[in-house]
Amino acid sequence: MTLIALHDICFAYPGQPPVLNGANLQLKPGQRLALTGPNGSGKSTLLRITLGLQRPTSGTVTLFGAPRRAEADFQEVRRRVGLVFQDPDDQLFCPTVAEDIAFGPRNLGRTRDEALAIVDRVLGDLDLLHLKDRITHKLSGGEKRLVTLATVLAMAPDVLLLDEPTNALDTKNEARLLDFLQSLPQAILLVSHSPAFREALAPDRLEVQDGRLIRT
């Protein structure tokens, strides 16, 4: 089954020329696909359209075999697709790291003890247990980036959408992040300005050209 199928997607911001103009994309289980193109070409917009955070002016969005149009259609999608935003401050809103990571599982009905066990497991997997009780807004940019990934992984998604996941990471943490992501079973749709990171994690590539997706 195709996990994500975007067909003939068109999108324009108010008063602006189209950003996307007939874009097509498919993501299958286990596939790692990179989106490339200049800033402002529509890469992040495609990720947001996939989650229903923005709606295309035309085209069809099919996820997990079902068409998604209304807000209610995307509620299941957001439980199964995890988006790591380009700016961690758009995603982290609880006082402490543990509370931020536990928020998603608690929202899915997990008990407090179950959620805290997930927090420990995910932070342990990322070698970040030392951040568990830290105040989120006092973290460094790189620490926020890794904690944002932890909040998404705590939801056990089927698909990961990664928007510039190496932003603010030093070379050591970027290498550690790459090793970790390579070990995951999830399908991944990646936006990254780092050619080396893209090639190592998601060598399958589509480039946004004039609002369309071209295999390169």
Protein backbone atom coordinates (compact mmCIF):
# COMPACT_ATOMS: atom_id res chain seq x y z
CA MET A 1 0.00 0.00 0.00
CA THR A 2 1.19 3.51 -0.79
CA LEU A 3 1.44 5.54 2.43
CA ILE A 4 1.35 9.01 0.86
CA ALA A 5 0.01 9.88 -2.58
CA LEU A 6 -0.18 13.51 -3.65
CA HIS A 7 -1.66 13.98 -7.11
CA ASP A 8 -1.62 17.13 -9.23
CA ILE A 9 -1.20 19.38 -6.18
CA CYS A 10 -1.51 23.12 -6.79
CA PHE A 11 -1.05 25.75 -4.11
CA ALA A 12 -0.61 29.52 -3.98
CA TYR A 13 -0.35 31.89 -1.07
CA PRO A 14 -2.81 34.84 -1.25
CA GLY A 15 -1.73 37.39 -3.83
CA GLN A 16 1.27 35.31 -4.89
CA PRO A 17 2.00 33.20 -7.99
CA PRO A 18 1.58 29.42 -7.50
CA VAL A 19 4.22 27.71 -5.38
CA LEU A 20 3.08 24.24 -6.45
CA ASN A 21 1.62 23.67 -9.89
CA GLY A 22 0.81 20.03 -10.56
CA ALA A 23 3.09 18.30 -8.03
CA ASN A 24 2.93 14.49 -7.74
CA LEU A 25 4.53 12.37 -5.02
CA GLN A 26 4.27 8.81 -3.71
CA LEU A 27 5.87 7.34 -0.59
CA LYS A 28 5.78 3.61 0.06
CA PRO A 29 6.48 1.64 3.27
CA GLY A 30 10.15 1.76 4.21
CA GLN A 31 11.00 4.26 1.47
CA ARG A 32 13.30 7.22 2.20
CA LEU A 33 12.66 10.11 -0.16
CA ALA A 34 14.36 13.53 -0.20
CA LEU A 35 12.76 16.71 -1.54
CA THR A 36 15.21 19.23 -2.97
CA GLY A 37 14.92 22.67 -4.50
CA PRO A 38 15.69 26.30 -3.67
CA ASN A 39 14.27 28.14 -0.66
CA GLY A 40 10.65 29.06 -1.25
CA SER A 41 10.11 26.36 -3.87
CA GLY A 42 7.37 24.64 -1.87
CA LYS A 43 9.13 21.79 -0.04
CA SER A 44 7.87 22.68 3.45
CA THR A 45 4.46 23.52 1.96
CA LEU A 46 4.22 19.96 0.63
CA LEU A 47 4.91 18.56 4.10
CA ARG A 48 2.21 20.76 5.62
CA ILE A 49 -0.28 19.79 2.90
CA THR A 50 0.43 16.13 3.68
CA LEU A 51 -0.70 16.70 7.26
CA GLY A 52 -3.64 18.91 6.35
CA LEU A 53 -2.05 21.97 7.95
CA GLN A 54 -2.50 23.71 4.61
CA ARG A 55 -5.00 22.80 1.91
CA PRO A 56 -4.15 22.68 -1.78
CA THR A 57 -6.10 24.91 -4.14
CA SER A 58 -6.57 21.79 -6.28
CA GLY A 59 -5.36 18.21 -6.45
CA THR A 60 -5.90 15.14 -4.30
CA VAL A 61 -4.27 14.02 -1.04
CA THR A 62 -4.51 10.27 -0.38
CA LEU A 63 -2.98 8.86 2.80
CA PHE A 64 -2.98 5.21 3.88
CA GLY A 65 -5.28 4.42 0.96
CA ALA A 66 -8.01 6.94 1.82
CA PRO A 67 -8.69 10.39 0.32
CA ARG A 68 -8.24 13.21 2.82
CA ARG A 69 -10.17 16.43 2.34
CA ALA A 70 -11.84 17.70 5.53
CA GLU A 71 -10.16 18.44 8.86
CA ALA A 72 -11.70 15.30 10.37
CA ASP A 73 -9.96 13.21 7.68
CA PHE A 74 -6.56 14.35 8.93
CA GLN A 75 -7.01 13.51 12.62
CA GLU A 76 -6.02 9.87 12.06
CA VAL A 77 -3.22 11.02 9.75
CA ARG A 78 -1.63 13.16 12.47
CA ARG A 79 -1.49 10.15 14.76
CA ARG A 80 0.31 8.11 12.11
CA VAL A 81 2.54 10.73 10.47
CA GLY A 82 5.08 12.66 12.53
CA LEU A 83 6.36 16.03 11.34
CA VAL A 84 9.57 17.51 12.71
CA PHE A 85 9.13 21.24 12.05
CA GLN A 86 11.93 23.38 10.68
CA ASP A 87 11.75 25.61 13.79
CA PRO A 88 11.66 23.63 17.07
CA ASP A 89 9.99 26.56 18.85
CA ASP A 90 6.89 25.89 16.72
CA GLN A 91 6.67 22.43 18.27
CA LEU A 92 7.86 22.66 21.88
CA PHE A 93 5.41 24.30 24.26
CA CYS A 94 5.51 22.46 27.63
CA PRO A 95 7.65 23.63 30.58
CA THR A 96 9.99 20.61 30.63
CA VAL A 97 11.40 18.15 28.13
CA ALA A 98 9.62 15.19 29.78
CA GLU A 99 6.26 16.97 29.62
CA ASP A 100 6.75 17.86 25.96
CA ILE A 101 7.53 14.25 25.02
CA ALA A 102 4.73 12.82 27.19
CA PHE A 103 2.12 15.17 25.72
CA GLY A 104 1.51 13.14 22.56
CA PRO A 105 1.15 9.72 24.23
CA ARG A 106 -1.09 11.23 26.92
CA ASN A 107 -3.22 12.75 24.18
CA LEU A 108 -3.56 9.26 22.67
CA GLY A 109 -4.94 7.93 25.95
CA ARG A 110 -1.81 6.51 27.57
CA THR A 111 -1.67 6.61 31.37
CA ARG A 112 0.80 8.89 33.08
CA ASP A 113 3.06 5.95 33.96
CA GLU A 114 2.88 4.60 30.39
CA ALA A 115 3.72 8.03 28.99
CA LEU A 116 6.67 8.46 31.33
CA ALA A 117 7.98 5.02 30.32
CA ILE A 118 7.82 6.15 26.68
CA VAL A 119 9.70 9.34 27.62
CA ASP A 120 12.49 7.29 29.20
CA ARG A 121 12.66 4.88 26.25
CA VAL A 122 12.77 7.55 23.55
CA LEU A 123 15.28 9.73 25.39
CA GLY A 124 17.39 6.65 26.07
CA ASP A 125 17.33 5.68 22.39
CA LEU A 126 18.54 9.18 21.49
CA ASP A 127 21.08 9.27 24.35
CA LEU A 128 19.29 12.32 25.78
CA LEU A 129 18.19 11.13 29.23
CA HIS A 130 20.25 13.91 30.78
CA LEU A 131 17.77 16.43 29.29
CA LYS A 132 14.65 14.82 30.79
CA ASP A 133 13.98 17.40 33.50
CA ARG A 134 15.44 20.41 31.73
CA ILE A 135 13.36 23.52 31.03
CA THR A 136 12.59 23.35 27.33
CA HIS A 137 13.03 27.01 26.41
CA LYS A 138 16.51 27.05 28.00
CA LEU A 139 17.86 24.30 25.75
CA SER A 140 20.38 25.06 23.02
CA GLY A 141 19.19 25.09 19.42
CA GLY A 142 20.69 21.66 18.78
CA GLU A 143 19.15 20.20 21.95
CA LYS A 144 15.73 21.57 20.97
CA ARG A 145 16.10 19.97 17.54
CA LEU A 146 16.76 16.53 19.06
CA VAL A 147 13.98 16.89 21.64
CA THR A 148 11.56 17.81 18.85
CA LEU A 149 12.41 14.51 17.15
CA ALA A 150 11.83 12.72 20.47
CA THR A 151 8.33 14.22 20.77
CA VAL A 152 7.47 12.85 17.32
CA LEU A 153 8.97 9.39 17.93
CA ALA A 154 7.00 9.09 21.18
CA MET A 155 3.86 8.87 19.04
CA ALA A 156 5.26 5.78 17.22
CA PRO A 157 4.33 7.13 13.77
CA ASP A 158 4.29 5.08 10.57
CA VAL A 159 5.90 7.91 8.59
CA LEU A 160 8.39 10.64 9.49
CA LEU A 161 8.39 14.02 7.75
CA LEU A 162 11.69 15.76 8.53
CA ASP A 163 12.03 19.45 7.68
CA GLU A 164 15.71 20.45 7.97
CA PRO A 165 16.40 18.04 10.88
CA THR A 166 20.10 18.99 11.08
CA ASN A 167 19.52 22.70 11.68
CA ALA A 168 21.59 23.93 14.65
CA LEU A 169 23.33 20.54 15.08
CA ASP A 170 27.09 20.32 15.34
CA THR A 171 28.97 17.70 13.33
CA LYS A 172 28.98 15.15 16.16
CA ASN A 173 25.25 15.37 16.83
CA GLU A 174 24.45 15.38 13.11
CA ALA A 175 26.36 12.10 12.74
CA ARG A 176 24.59 10.66 15.77
CA LEU A 177 21.21 11.72 14.41
CA LEU A 178 22.00 10.13 11.05
CA ASP A 179 22.96 6.82 12.67
CA PHE A 180 19.75 6.83 14.68
CA LEU A 181 17.46 7.69 11.76
CA GLN A 182 19.10 5.02 9.59
CA SER A 183 18.17 2.43 12.24
CA LEU A 184 14.45 3.29 12.20
CA PRO A 185 11.88 1.23 10.27
CA GLN A 186 9.66 4.17 9.30
CA ALA A 187 9.30 5.59 5.83
CA ILE A 188 10.87 9.07 5.72
CA LEU A 189 10.18 12.16 3.63
CA LEU A 190 13.18 14.46 4.08
CA VAL A 191 13.84 18.12 3.40
CA SER A 192 17.49 18.98 4.08
CA HIS A 193 19.99 21.54 2.79
CA SER A 194 22.83 19.09 3.50
CA PRO A 195 23.69 17.02 0.38
CA ALA A 196 25.77 14.55 2.43
CA PHE A 197 22.96 13.99 4.95
CA ARG A 198 20.40 13.56 2.16
CA GLU A 199 22.56 11.08 0.28
CA ALA A 200 23.20 9.01 3.39
CA LEU A 201 19.60 8.92 4.65
CA ALA A 202 17.38 9.35 1.59
CA PRO A 203 19.23 8.88 -1.72
CA ASP A 204 15.90 8.61 -3.59
CA ARG A 205 15.24 12.23 -4.60
CA LEU A 206 12.61 14.51 -6.12
CA GLU A 207 13.43 18.12 -7.03
CA VAL A 208 10.85 20.89 -7.01
CA GLN A 209 11.09 22.66 -10.37
CA ASP A 210 8.51 25.27 -11.38
CA GLY A 211 5.98 23.87 -8.96
CA ARG A 212 6.36 20.25 -10.08
CA LEU A 213 8.35 17.33 -8.67
CA ILE A 214 11.03 15.98 -11.00
CA ARG A 215 12.99 12.79 -10.29
CA THR A 216 16.72 13.56 -10.45
